[in-house]
């Protein structure tokens, strides 16, 4: 079995490498794009997009799936074009990557993925049809793209306090733990069955039974005991215990009641469709938003990364404008 990192390198990086134009006739599955005389094939697009397509097929179907796959392919072609432009710019500028950098990268793979066994590494390459020289070329191109992108970003980006505050205010929900209640629940369904003395009379409907249970609770009956005897949901054995929950866990009508109850309070009978609910809130936790001081460093790092990606995109855009790019 190929170690994860090596498989990823062979699969992803090789599939990204454009082919010389003269090799186009050898590509039987067609050309997806041409970038300054280099070809990107549909095979490369399909290989790179395969994982995303599989994920999409688990969520979308029919026309919606086809539209999603089309979007994935368009983005993949764009990524392949950008990569080709970066590698071409590197060659145009006559930059070089020192051999020791490639050596270090390969040695790291051997050390981390093969326990330092170079022979096992070489045999794995050979079993996949790769020579060491070819693999080094692949690593070199990967490092080249990373280095070229990094070179277009500054390490001295300063984020103003105003931007930090604006981001915090706009994304406050990200830093907020929602309000929670510790809930117990008794549920009766019309047409369902329940134990206990009340259900022994077939003339008693579930609505009437729910109100009788509520009266018993008001008279001091233990909620968990009543849930064990009468509730028809999966928590009955644990006394109707739902634990700590957020409002999104419940039906909107139930959530509205549950989060309006005080600690220790029992709700009236609530009808939702053909079911009857009685809720008890054992405890409550208010929503808590982390203060800016606690999350500021994460926000700063995120904004710095945004600025770096923006700078890289602006640079690649200049490469696109001066390049010959034809998408088939």
C-alpha atoms as a PDB file:
ATOM      1  CA  UNK A   1       0.000   0.000   0.000  1.00  0.00           C
ATOM      2  CA  UNK A   2       1.278   3.473  -0.859  1.00  0.00           C
ATOM      3  CA  UNK A   3       1.628   5.744   2.206  1.00  0.00           C
ATOM      4  CA  UNK A   4      -0.911   8.580   2.253  1.00  0.00           C
ATOM      5  CA  UNK A   5       1.430  11.454   1.561  1.00  0.00           C
ATOM      6  CA  UNK A   6       3.232   9.695  -1.289  1.00  0.00           C
ATOM      7  CA  UNK A   7      -0.044   8.639  -2.891  1.00  0.00           C
ATOM      8  CA  UNK A   8      -1.314  12.200  -2.630  1.00  0.00           C
ATOM      9  CA  UNK A   9       1.859  13.534  -4.245  1.00  0.00           C
ATOM     10  CA  UNK A  10       1.774  11.049  -7.112  1.00  0.00           C
ATOM     11  CA  UNK A  11      -1.930  11.501  -7.728  1.00  0.00           C
ATOM     12  CA  UNK A  12      -2.346  15.221  -7.281  1.00  0.00           C
ATOM     13  CA  UNK A  13       0.925  16.772  -8.357  1.00  0.00           C
ATOM     14  CA  UNK A  14       1.428  14.618 -11.437  1.00  0.00           C
ATOM     15  CA  UNK A  15      -2.124  15.203 -12.555  1.00  0.00           C
ATOM     16  CA  UNK A  16      -1.488  18.950 -12.359  1.00  0.00           C
ATOM     17  CA  UNK A  17       1.499  18.965 -14.707  1.00  0.00           C
ATOM     18  CA  UNK A  18       0.614  20.320 -18.187  1.00  0.00           C
ATOM     19  CA  UNK A  19       1.864  18.484 -21.283  1.00  0.00           C
ATOM     20  CA  UNK A  20       3.878  19.976 -24.164  1.00  0.00           C
ATOM     21  CA  UNK A  21       1.680  20.935 -27.116  1.00  0.00           C
ATOM     22  CA  UNK A  22       3.364  18.398 -29.389  1.00  0.00           C
ATOM     23  CA  UNK A  23       2.146  15.667 -27.068  1.00  0.00           C
ATOM     24  CA  UNK A  24      -1.473  16.663 -27.660  1.00  0.00           C
ATOM     25  CA  UNK A  25      -1.902  14.172 -30.483  1.00  0.00           C
ATOM     26  CA  UNK A  26      -1.058  11.391 -28.035  1.00  0.00           C
ATOM     27  CA  UNK A  27      -3.874  12.442 -25.682  1.00  0.00           C
ATOM     28  CA  UNK A  28      -6.836  10.429 -26.843  1.00  0.00           C
ATOM     29  CA  UNK A  29      -9.302  11.922 -24.404  1.00  0.00           C
ATOM     30  CA  UNK A  30      -8.972  15.500 -25.627  1.00  0.00           C
ATOM     31  CA  UNK A  31      -7.625  18.869 -24.574  1.00  0.00           C
ATOM     32  CA  UNK A  32      -9.300  20.895 -21.826  1.00  0.00           C
ATOM     33  CA  UNK A  33      -7.146  24.015 -22.184  1.00  0.00           C
ATOM     34  CA  UNK A  34      -3.946  25.378 -23.722  1.00  0.00           C
ATOM     35  CA  UNK A  35      -1.702  27.702 -21.711  1.00  0.00           C
ATOM     36  CA  UNK A  36       1.091  29.365 -23.703  1.00  0.00           C
ATOM     37  CA  UNK A  37       1.615  26.218 -25.755  1.00  0.00           C
ATOM     38  CA  UNK A  38       1.163  23.723 -22.941  1.00  0.00           C
ATOM     39  CA  UNK A  39      -1.792  21.364 -22.844  1.00  0.00           C
ATOM     40  CA  UNK A  40      -4.113  20.539 -19.961  1.00  0.00           C
ATOM     41  CA  UNK A  41      -6.029  17.347 -20.696  1.00  0.00           C
ATOM     42  CA  UNK A  42      -9.466  16.214 -19.652  1.00  0.00           C
ATOM     43  CA  UNK A  43      -7.769  13.258 -17.983  1.00  0.00           C
ATOM     44  CA  UNK A  44      -5.968  15.649 -15.636  1.00  0.00           C
ATOM     45  CA  UNK A  45      -9.229  17.459 -14.914  1.00  0.00           C
ATOM     46  CA  UNK A  46     -11.074  14.233 -14.157  1.00  0.00           C
ATOM     47  CA  UNK A  47      -8.281  12.917 -11.934  1.00  0.00           C
ATOM     48  CA  UNK A  48      -8.033  16.101  -9.910  1.00  0.00           C
ATOM     49  CA  UNK A  49     -11.815  16.502  -9.624  1.00  0.00           C
ATOM     50  CA  UNK A  50     -12.558  12.849  -8.808  1.00  0.00           C
ATOM     51  CA  UNK A  51     -12.754  13.238  -5.027  1.00  0.00           C
ATOM     52  CA  UNK A  52     -15.007  16.305  -5.245  1.00  0.00           C
ATOM     53  CA  UNK A  53     -17.261  14.586  -7.779  1.00  0.00           C
ATOM     54  CA  UNK A  54     -17.672  11.610  -5.472  1.00  0.00           C
ATOM     55  CA  UNK A  55     -18.621  13.869  -2.561  1.00  0.00           C
ATOM     56  CA  UNK A  56     -21.078  15.779  -4.752  1.00  0.00           C
ATOM     57  CA  UNK A  57     -22.751  12.552  -5.918  1.00  0.00           C
ATOM     58  CA  UNK A  58     -23.575  11.737  -2.311  1.00  0.00           C
ATOM     59  CA  UNK A  59     -25.464  15.013  -1.890  1.00  0.00           C
ATOM     60  CA  UNK A  60     -26.837  15.985  -5.300  1.00  0.00           C
ATOM     61  CA  UNK A  61     -28.751  14.086  -7.990  1.00  0.00           C
ATOM     62  CA  UNK A  62     -29.974  14.522 -11.553  1.00  0.00           C
ATOM     63  CA  UNK A  63     -29.651  17.957 -13.145  1.00  0.00           C
ATOM     64  CA  UNK A  64     -28.447  19.461  -9.867  1.00  0.00           C
ATOM     65  CA  UNK A  65     -25.580  16.970  -9.744  1.00  0.00           C
ATOM     66  CA  UNK A  66     -24.618  17.680 -13.355  1.00  0.00           C
ATOM     67  CA  UNK A  67     -24.569  21.408 -12.647  1.00  0.00           C
ATOM     68  CA  UNK A  68     -22.393  20.834  -9.565  1.00  0.00           C
ATOM     69  CA  UNK A  69     -19.952  18.652 -11.525  1.00  0.00           C
ATOM     70  CA  UNK A  70     -19.740  21.319 -14.229  1.00  0.00           C
ATOM     71  CA  UNK A  71     -18.820  23.908 -11.582  1.00  0.00           C
ATOM     72  CA  UNK A  72     -16.204  21.561 -10.111  1.00  0.00           C
ATOM     73  CA  UNK A  73     -14.636  21.001 -13.537  1.00  0.00           C
ATOM     74  CA  UNK A  74     -14.545  24.723 -14.282  1.00  0.00           C
ATOM     75  CA  UNK A  75     -12.767  25.445 -11.010  1.00  0.00           C
ATOM     76  CA  UNK A  76     -10.372  22.538 -11.564  1.00  0.00           C
ATOM     77  CA  UNK A  77      -9.434  23.812 -15.022  1.00  0.00           C
ATOM     78  CA  UNK A  78      -8.821  27.260 -13.519  1.00  0.00           C
ATOM     79  CA  UNK A  79      -6.549  25.746 -10.854  1.00  0.00           C
ATOM     80  CA  UNK A  80      -4.603  23.788 -13.484  1.00  0.00           C
ATOM     81  CA  UNK A  81      -4.195  26.899 -15.627  1.00  0.00           C
ATOM     82  CA  UNK A  82      -2.931  28.919 -12.661  1.00  0.00           C
ATOM     83  CA  UNK A  83      -0.426  26.207 -11.811  1.00  0.00           C
ATOM     84  CA  UNK A  84       0.850  26.114 -15.379  1.00  0.00           C
ATOM     85  CA  UNK A  85       1.247  29.898 -15.390  1.00  0.00           C
ATOM     86  CA  UNK A  86       3.240  29.832 -12.150  1.00  0.00           C
ATOM     87  CA  UNK A  87       5.617  27.145 -13.404  1.00  0.00           C
ATOM     88  CA  UNK A  88       6.085  29.009 -16.682  1.00  0.00           C
ATOM     89  CA  UNK A  89       6.820  32.264 -14.853  1.00  0.00           C
ATOM     90  CA  UNK A  90       9.415  30.468 -12.769  1.00  0.00           C
ATOM     91  CA  UNK A  91      11.181  29.273 -15.921  1.00  0.00           C
ATOM     92  CA  UNK A  92      10.900  32.684 -17.597  1.00  0.00           C
ATOM     93  CA  UNK A  93      12.555  34.385 -14.637  1.00  0.00           C
ATOM     94  CA  UNK A  94      15.284  31.712 -14.690  1.00  0.00           C
ATOM     95  CA  UNK A  95      14.841  31.093 -10.990  1.00  0.00           C
ATOM     96  CA  UNK A  96      16.245  27.933  -9.448  1.00  0.00           C
ATOM     97  CA  UNK A  97      15.395  25.627  -6.575  1.00  0.00           C
ATOM     98  CA  UNK A  98      18.570  24.382  -4.813  1.00  0.00           C
ATOM     99  CA  UNK A  99      19.018  20.624  -4.970  1.00  0.00           C
ATOM    100  CA  UNK A 100      19.268  20.370  -1.200  1.00  0.00           C
ATOM    101  CA  UNK A 101      15.693  21.677  -0.890  1.00  0.00           C
ATOM    102  CA  UNK A 102      14.445  18.796  -3.049  1.00  0.00           C
ATOM    103  CA  UNK A 103      16.683  16.384  -1.121  1.00  0.00           C
ATOM    104  CA  UNK A 104      15.216  17.541   2.192  1.00  0.00           C
ATOM    105  CA  UNK A 105      11.660  17.138   0.921  1.00  0.00           C
ATOM    106  CA  UNK A 106      12.273  13.613  -0.381  1.00  0.00           C
ATOM    107  CA  UNK A 107      14.114  12.621   2.794  1.00  0.00           C
ATOM    108  CA  UNK A 108      11.228  13.896   4.888  1.00  0.00           C
ATOM    109  CA  UNK A 109       8.806  11.659   2.960  1.00  0.00           C
ATOM    110  CA  UNK A 110      11.113   8.652   3.393  1.00  0.00           C
ATOM    111  CA  UNK A 111      11.508   9.396   7.086  1.00  0.00           C
ATOM    112  CA  UNK A 112       7.846  10.077   7.880  1.00  0.00           C
ATOM    113  CA  UNK A 113       6.112   7.637   5.517  1.00  0.00           C
ATOM    114  CA  UNK A 114       8.625   4.784   5.284  1.00  0.00           C
ATOM    115  CA  UNK A 115      10.339   4.892   8.661  1.00  0.00           C
ATOM    116  CA  UNK A 116      13.588   5.934   6.960  1.00  0.00           C
ATOM    117  CA  UNK A 117      13.630   2.879   4.653  1.00  0.00           C
ATOM    118  CA  UNK A 118      14.839   4.320   1.360  1.00  0.00           C
ATOM    119  CA  UNK A 119      14.721   0.950  -0.407  1.00  0.00           C
ATOM    120  CA  UNK A 120      11.043   0.516   0.449  1.00  0.00           C
ATOM    121  CA  UNK A 121      10.389   3.997  -0.879  1.00  0.00           C
ATOM    122  CA  UNK A 122      12.158   3.306  -4.173  1.00  0.00           C
ATOM    123  CA  UNK A 123      10.347  -0.020  -4.606  1.00  0.00           C
ATOM    124  CA  UNK A 124       7.016   1.711  -4.037  1.00  0.00           C
ATOM    125  CA  UNK A 125       7.863   4.279  -6.704  1.00  0.00           C
ATOM    126  CA  UNK A 126       8.868   1.571  -9.149  1.00  0.00           C
ATOM    127  CA  UNK A 127       5.679  -0.394  -8.526  1.00  0.00           C
ATOM    128  CA  UNK A 128       3.767   2.690  -9.633  1.00  0.00           C
ATOM    129  CA  UNK A 129       5.935   3.270 -12.673  1.00  0.00           C
ATOM    130  CA  UNK A 130       7.968   6.163 -11.299  1.00  0.00           C
ATOM    131  CA  UNK A 131      11.709   6.603 -11.190  1.00  0.00           C
ATOM    132  CA  UNK A 132      13.396   8.542  -8.403  1.00  0.00           C
ATOM    133  CA  UNK A 133      14.361  11.223 -10.919  1.00  0.00           C
ATOM    134  CA  UNK A 134      10.737  11.627 -11.996  1.00  0.00           C
ATOM    135  CA  UNK A 135       9.540  11.839  -8.417  1.00  0.00           C
ATOM    136  CA  UNK A 136      12.155  14.496  -7.668  1.00  0.00           C
ATOM    137  CA  UNK A 137      10.868  16.503 -10.630  1.00  0.00           C
ATOM    138  CA  UNK A 138       7.348  16.269  -9.234  1.00  0.00           C
ATOM    139  CA  UNK A 139       8.513  17.442  -5.811  1.00  0.00           C
ATOM    140  CA  UNK A 140      10.471  20.265  -7.438  1.00  0.00           C
ATOM    141  CA  UNK A 141       7.370  21.552  -9.243  1.00  0.00           C
ATOM    142  CA  UNK A 142       5.314  21.357  -6.069  1.00  0.00           C
ATOM    143  CA  UNK A 143       7.918  23.290  -4.110  1.00  0.00           C
ATOM    144  CA  UNK A 144       8.253  25.775  -6.963  1.00  0.00           C
ATOM    145  CA  UNK A 145       4.556  26.630  -6.937  1.00  0.00           C
ATOM    146  CA  UNK A 146       4.566  27.025  -3.152  1.00  0.00           C
ATOM    147  CA  UNK A 147       7.677  29.209  -3.230  1.00  0.00           C
ATOM    148  CA  UNK A 148       6.400  31.425  -6.051  1.00  0.00           C
ATOM    149  CA  UNK A 149       3.105  31.997  -4.260  1.00  0.00           C
ATOM    150  CA  UNK A 150       4.850  32.730  -0.980  1.00  0.00           C
ATOM    151  CA  UNK A 151       7.204  35.188  -2.655  1.00  0.00           C
ATOM    152  CA  UNK A 152       4.238  37.347  -3.640  1.00  0.00           C
ATOM    153  CA  UNK A 153       3.085  37.859  -0.075  1.00  0.00           C
ATOM    154  CA  UNK A 154       4.491  40.059   2.646  1.00  0.00           C
ATOM    155  CA  UNK A 155       5.411  38.928   6.133  1.00  0.00           C
ATOM    156  CA  UNK A 156       4.805  42.446   7.425  1.00  0.00           C
ATOM    157  CA  UNK A 157       1.054  42.716   7.000  1.00  0.00           C
ATOM    158  CA  UNK A 158      -0.503  44.876   9.695  1.00  0.00           C
ATOM    159  CA  UNK A 159      -4.195  44.470  10.480  1.00  0.00           C
ATOM    160  CA  UNK A 160      -5.841  47.570  11.901  1.00  0.00           C
ATOM    161  CA  UNK A 161      -7.858  47.402  15.146  1.00  0.00           C
ATOM    162  CA  UNK A 162     -10.868  48.695  13.198  1.00  0.00           C
ATOM    163  CA  UNK A 163     -10.781  45.706  10.828  1.00  0.00           C
ATOM    164  CA  UNK A 164     -10.376  43.328  13.729  1.00  0.00           C
ATOM    165  CA  UNK A 165     -13.398  44.809  15.495  1.00  0.00           C
ATOM    166  CA  UNK A 166     -15.468  44.802  12.297  1.00  0.00           C
ATOM    167  CA  UNK A 167     -14.666  41.147  11.658  1.00  0.00           C
ATOM    168  CA  UNK A 168     -15.473  40.226  15.263  1.00  0.00           C
ATOM    169  CA  UNK A 169     -18.840  42.002  15.156  1.00  0.00           C
ATOM    170  CA  UNK A 170     -19.752  40.502  11.785  1.00  0.00           C
ATOM    171  CA  UNK A 171     -18.835  36.959  12.872  1.00  0.00           C
ATOM    172  CA  UNK A 172     -19.839  37.083  16.526  1.00  0.00           C
ATOM    173  CA  UNK A 173     -21.962  33.930  16.115  1.00  0.00           C
ATOM    174  CA  UNK A 174     -18.756  32.019  15.396  1.00  0.00           C
ATOM    175  CA  UNK A 175     -17.489  32.872  18.865  1.00  0.00           C
ATOM    176  CA  UNK A 176     -20.770  32.278  20.671  1.00  0.00           C
ATOM    177  CA  UNK A 177     -21.848  29.160  22.533  1.00  0.00           C
ATOM    178  CA  UNK A 178     -25.668  29.081  22.145  1.00  0.00           C
ATOM    179  CA  UNK A 179     -28.006  29.016  25.109  1.00  0.00           C
ATOM    180  CA  UNK A 180     -28.774  25.495  26.340  1.00  0.00           C
ATOM    181  CA  UNK A 181     -31.321  23.803  28.563  1.00  0.00           C
ATOM    182  CA  UNK A 182     -31.070  20.488  30.412  1.00  0.00           C
ATOM    183  CA  UNK A 183     -34.326  18.934  29.324  1.00  0.00           C
ATOM    184  CA  UNK A 184     -36.611  16.063  30.240  1.00  0.00           C
ATOM    185  CA  UNK A 185     -39.567  15.201  28.040  1.00  0.00           C
ATOM    186  CA  UNK A 186     -42.674  13.023  28.045  1.00  0.00           C
ATOM    187  CA  UNK A 187     -44.083  12.231  24.608  1.00  0.00           C
ATOM    188  CA  UNK A 188     -47.387  10.590  23.694  1.00  0.00           C
ATOM    189  CA  UNK A 189     -48.363   9.784  20.096  1.00  0.00           C
ATOM    190  CA  UNK A 190     -51.905   9.270  18.912  1.00  0.00           C
ATOM    191  CA  UNK A 191     -52.106   5.640  17.847  1.00  0.00           C
ATOM    192  CA  UNK A 192     -49.058   4.739  19.931  1.00  0.00           C
ATOM    193  CA  UNK A 193     -49.023   2.569  23.012  1.00  0.00           C
ATOM    194  CA  UNK A 194     -47.784   3.202  26.516  1.00  0.00           C
ATOM    195  CA  UNK A 195     -47.641   1.362  29.805  1.00  0.00           C
ATOM    196  CA  UNK A 196     -48.995   2.360  33.138  1.00  0.00           C
ATOM    197  CA  UNK A 197     -52.437   2.378  34.653  1.00  0.00           C
ATOM    198  CA  UNK A 198     -53.901   5.163  32.516  1.00  0.00           C
ATOM    199  CA  UNK A 199     -53.306   3.291  29.271  1.00  0.00           C
ATOM    200  CA  UNK A 200     -55.048   0.207  30.551  1.00  0.00           C
ATOM    201  CA  UNK A 201     -58.387   1.831  29.708  1.00  0.00           C
ATOM    202  CA  UNK A 202     -58.778   1.794  25.899  1.00  0.00           C
ATOM    203  CA  UNK A 203     -61.352   4.561  26.165  1.00  0.00           C
ATOM    204  CA  UNK A 204     -58.753   7.104  27.280  1.00  0.00           C
ATOM    205  CA  UNK A 205     -57.215   9.031  24.385  1.00  0.00           C
ATOM    206  CA  UNK A 206     -53.630  10.246  24.353  1.00  0.00           C
ATOM    207  CA  UNK A 207     -54.677  13.860  24.737  1.00  0.00           C
ATOM    208  CA  UNK A 208     -56.635  13.092  27.889  1.00  0.00           C
ATOM    209  CA  UNK A 209     -53.795  10.907  29.146  1.00  0.00           C
ATOM    210  CA  UNK A 210     -51.313  13.739  28.609  1.00  0.00           C
ATOM    211  CA  UNK A 211     -53.432  16.101  30.714  1.00  0.00           C
ATOM    212  CA  UNK A 212     -53.807  13.489  33.452  1.00  0.00           C
ATOM    213  CA  UNK A 213     -50.026  13.013  33.536  1.00  0.00           C
ATOM    214  CA  UNK A 214     -49.590  16.781  33.728  1.00  0.00           C
ATOM    215  CA  UNK A 215     -51.979  16.887  36.690  1.00  0.00           C
ATOM    216  CA  UNK A 216     -49.989  14.155  38.459  1.00  0.00           C
ATOM    217  CA  UNK A 217     -46.785  16.135  37.902  1.00  0.00           C
ATOM    218  CA  UNK A 218     -48.449  19.236  39.319  1.00  0.00           C
ATOM    219  CA  UNK A 219     -49.420  17.133  42.317  1.00  0.00           C
ATOM    220  CA  UNK A 220     -45.818  16.202  43.024  1.00  0.00           C
ATOM    221  CA  UNK A 221     -45.231  13.086  40.909  1.00  0.00           C
ATOM    222  CA  UNK A 222     -41.618  12.616  39.850  1.00  0.00           C
ATOM    223  CA  UNK A 223     -41.071  13.581  36.225  1.00  0.00           C
ATOM    224  CA  UNK A 224     -38.552  10.853  35.469  1.00  0.00           C
ATOM    225  CA  UNK A 225     -40.882   8.204  36.921  1.00  0.00           C
ATOM    226  CA  UNK A 226     -43.807   9.456  34.809  1.00  0.00           C
ATOM    227  CA  UNK A 227     -41.583   9.428  31.716  1.00  0.00           C
ATOM    228  CA  UNK A 228     -40.528   5.841  32.365  1.00  0.00           C
ATOM    229  CA  UNK A 229     -44.143   4.772  32.752  1.00  0.00           C
ATOM    230  CA  UNK A 230     -45.820   6.686  29.938  1.00  0.00           C
ATOM    231  CA  UNK A 231     -43.434   8.336  27.488  1.00  0.00           C
ATOM    232  CA  UNK A 232     -43.295   6.872  23.985  1.00  0.00           C
ATOM    233  CA  UNK A 233     -39.962   8.189  22.789  1.00  0.00           C
ATOM    234  CA  UNK A 234     -36.508   6.602  22.904  1.00  0.00           C
ATOM    235  CA  UNK A 235     -35.538   8.357  26.157  1.00  0.00           C
ATOM    236  CA  UNK A 236     -38.283   6.829  28.300  1.00  0.00           C
ATOM    237  CA  UNK A 237     -35.986   4.329  30.008  1.00  0.00           C
ATOM    238  CA  UNK A 238     -33.737   7.193  31.152  1.00  0.00           C
ATOM    239  CA  UNK A 239     -36.713   9.122  32.500  1.00  0.00           C
ATOM    240  CA  UNK A 240     -37.113  11.301  29.406  1.00  0.00           C
ATOM    241  CA  UNK A 241     -33.627  12.734  29.814  1.00  0.00           C
ATOM    242  CA  UNK A 242     -32.478  14.656  26.711  1.00  0.00           C
ATOM    243  CA  UNK A 243     -29.432  16.133  28.423  1.00  0.00           C
ATOM    244  CA  UNK A 244     -28.110  19.551  27.467  1.00  0.00           C
ATOM    245  CA  UNK A 245     -29.526  20.724  24.137  1.00  0.00           C
ATOM    246  CA  UNK A 246     -29.574  23.835  21.959  1.00  0.00           C
ATOM    247  CA  UNK A 247     -32.764  25.272  20.496  1.00  0.00           C
ATOM    248  CA  UNK A 248     -31.960  23.940  17.021  1.00  0.00           C
ATOM    249  CA  UNK A 249     -32.267  20.397  18.378  1.00  0.00           C
ATOM    250  CA  UNK A 250     -36.015  20.764  18.856  1.00  0.00           C
ATOM    251  CA  UNK A 251     -39.061  21.467  16.754  1.00  0.00           C
ATOM    252  CA  UNK A 252     -39.589  25.233  16.638  1.00  0.00           C
ATOM    253  CA  UNK A 253     -42.756  25.096  18.767  1.00  0.00           C
ATOM    254  CA  UNK A 254     -41.101  22.920  21.401  1.00  0.00           C
ATOM    255  CA  UNK A 255     -37.939  25.028  21.420  1.00  0.00           C
ATOM    256  CA  UNK A 256     -39.963  28.192  22.002  1.00  0.00           C
ATOM    257  CA  UNK A 257     -41.569  26.675  25.082  1.00  0.00           C
ATOM    258  CA  UNK A 258     -38.467  24.917  26.411  1.00  0.00           C
ATOM    259  CA  UNK A 259     -36.313  28.045  26.348  1.00  0.00           C
ATOM    260  CA  UNK A 260     -39.022  30.159  27.964  1.00  0.00           C
ATOM    261  CA  UNK A 261     -39.304  27.858  30.995  1.00  0.00           C
ATOM    262  CA  UNK A 262     -37.549  28.661  34.243  1.00  0.00           C
ATOM    263  CA  UNK A 263     -35.202  26.215  35.947  1.00  0.00           C
ATOM    264  CA  UNK A 264     -37.298  23.404  37.468  1.00  0.00           C
ATOM    265  CA  UNK A 265     -40.479  24.504  35.664  1.00  0.00           C
ATOM    266  CA  UNK A 266     -42.778  22.047  33.870  1.00  0.00           C
ATOM    267  CA  UNK A 267     -44.548  23.059  30.675  1.00  0.00           C
ATOM    268  CA  UNK A 268     -48.259  22.682  29.955  1.00  0.00           C
ATOM    269  CA  UNK A 269     -49.253  19.974  27.486  1.00  0.00           C
ATOM    270  CA  UNK A 270     -47.999  20.961  24.015  1.00  0.00           C
ATOM    271  CA  UNK A 271     -49.640  19.500  20.920  1.00  0.00           C
ATOM    272  CA  UNK A 272     -47.559  19.234  17.764  1.00  0.00           C
ATOM    273  CA  UNK A 273     -49.404  17.474  14.950  1.00  0.00           C
ATOM    274  CA  UNK A 274     -50.673  14.185  16.452  1.00  0.00           C
ATOM    275  CA  UNK A 275     -48.322  14.103  19.414  1.00  0.00           C
ATOM    276  CA  UNK A 276     -48.445  15.544  22.924  1.00  0.00           C
ATOM    277  CA  UNK A 277     -45.404  16.775  24.835  1.00  0.00           C
ATOM    278  CA  UNK A 278     -44.676  17.722  28.426  1.00  0.00           C
ATOM    279  CA  UNK A 279     -41.302  19.359  29.062  1.00  0.00           C
ATOM    280  CA  UNK A 280     -39.309  20.003  32.196  1.00  0.00           C
ATOM    281  CA  UNK A 281     -36.204  22.180  32.308  1.00  0.00           C
ATOM    282  CA  UNK A 282     -33.794  20.941  34.976  1.00  0.00           C
ATOM    283  CA  UNK A 283     -31.174  23.618  34.381  1.00  0.00           C
ATOM    284  CA  UNK A 284     -30.244  26.415  31.971  1.00  0.00           C
ATOM    285  CA  UNK A 285     -27.095  27.897  30.471  1.00  0.00           C
ATOM    286  CA  UNK A 286     -27.188  31.338  28.835  1.00  0.00           C
ATOM    287  CA  UNK A 287     -25.514  32.030  25.514  1.00  0.00           C
ATOM    288  CA  UNK A 288     -21.872  33.003  26.029  1.00  0.00           C
ATOM    289  CA  UNK A 289     -19.843  35.016  23.528  1.00  0.00           C
ATOM    290  CA  UNK A 290     -16.071  34.910  23.887  1.00  0.00           C
ATOM    291  CA  UNK A 291     -14.633  38.407  24.377  1.00  0.00           C
ATOM    292  CA  UNK A 292     -12.604  39.953  21.565  1.00  0.00           C
ATOM    293  CA  UNK A 293      -9.445  39.738  23.649  1.00  0.00           C
ATOM    294  CA  UNK A 294      -9.777  35.956  23.746  1.00  0.00           C
ATOM    295  CA  UNK A 295     -10.147  35.465  19.978  1.00  0.00           C
ATOM    296  CA  UNK A 296      -8.225  38.438  18.645  1.00  0.00           C
ATOM    297  CA  UNK A 297      -5.101  36.475  17.745  1.00  0.00           C
ATOM    298  CA  UNK A 298      -7.102  33.993  15.663  1.00  0.00           C
ATOM    299  CA  UNK A 299      -8.871  36.843  13.886  1.00  0.00           C
ATOM    300  CA  UNK A 300      -5.573  38.570  13.116  1.00  0.00           C
ATOM    301  CA  UNK A 301      -4.086  35.384  11.657  1.00  0.00           C
ATOM    302  CA  UNK A 302      -7.191  34.810   9.568  1.00  0.00           C
ATOM    303  CA  UNK A 303      -7.176  38.360   8.199  1.00  0.00           C
ATOM    304  CA  UNK A 304      -3.457  38.141   7.428  1.00  0.00           C
ATOM    305  CA  UNK A 305      -4.085  34.922   5.493  1.00  0.00           C
ATOM    306  CA  UNK A 306      -6.892  36.643   3.569  1.00  0.00           C
ATOM    307  CA  UNK A 307      -4.520  39.455   2.596  1.00  0.00           C
ATOM    308  CA  UNK A 308      -1.883  36.955   1.466  1.00  0.00           C
ATOM    309  CA  UNK A 309      -4.370  35.057  -0.684  1.00  0.00           C
ATOM    310  CA  UNK A 310      -5.594  38.349  -2.143  1.00  0.00           C
ATOM    311  CA  UNK A 311      -2.024  39.346  -3.056  1.00  0.00           C
ATOM    312  CA  UNK A 312      -1.397  35.965  -4.668  1.00  0.00           C
ATOM    313  CA  UNK A 313      -4.621  36.176  -6.673  1.00  0.00           C
ATOM    314  CA  UNK A 314      -3.737  39.668  -7.918  1.00  0.00           C
ATOM    315  CA  UNK A 315      -0.307  38.407  -9.018  1.00  0.00           C
ATOM    316  CA  UNK A 316      -1.745  35.384 -10.829  1.00  0.00           C
ATOM    317  CA  UNK A 317      -4.274  37.677 -12.489  1.00  0.00           C
ATOM    318  CA  UNK A 318      -1.411  39.647 -14.029  1.00  0.00           C
ATOM    319  CA  UNK A 319       0.018  36.367 -15.374  1.00  0.00           C
ATOM    320  CA  UNK A 320      -3.349  35.505 -16.918  1.00  0.00           C
ATOM    321  CA  UNK A 321      -3.632  38.876 -18.630  1.00  0.00           C
ATOM    322  CA  UNK A 322      -0.322  38.528 -20.456  1.00  0.00           C
ATOM    323  CA  UNK A 323      -0.721  34.834 -21.294  1.00  0.00           C
ATOM    324  CA  UNK A 324      -2.325  32.990 -24.195  1.00  0.00           C
ATOM    325  CA  UNK A 325      -5.021  30.866 -22.620  1.00  0.00           C
ATOM    326  CA  UNK A 326      -7.587  28.905 -24.583  1.00  0.00           C
ATOM    327  CA  UNK A 327     -10.212  26.863 -22.775  1.00  0.00           C
ATOM    328  CA  UNK A 328     -11.794  24.260 -25.030  1.00  0.00           C
END
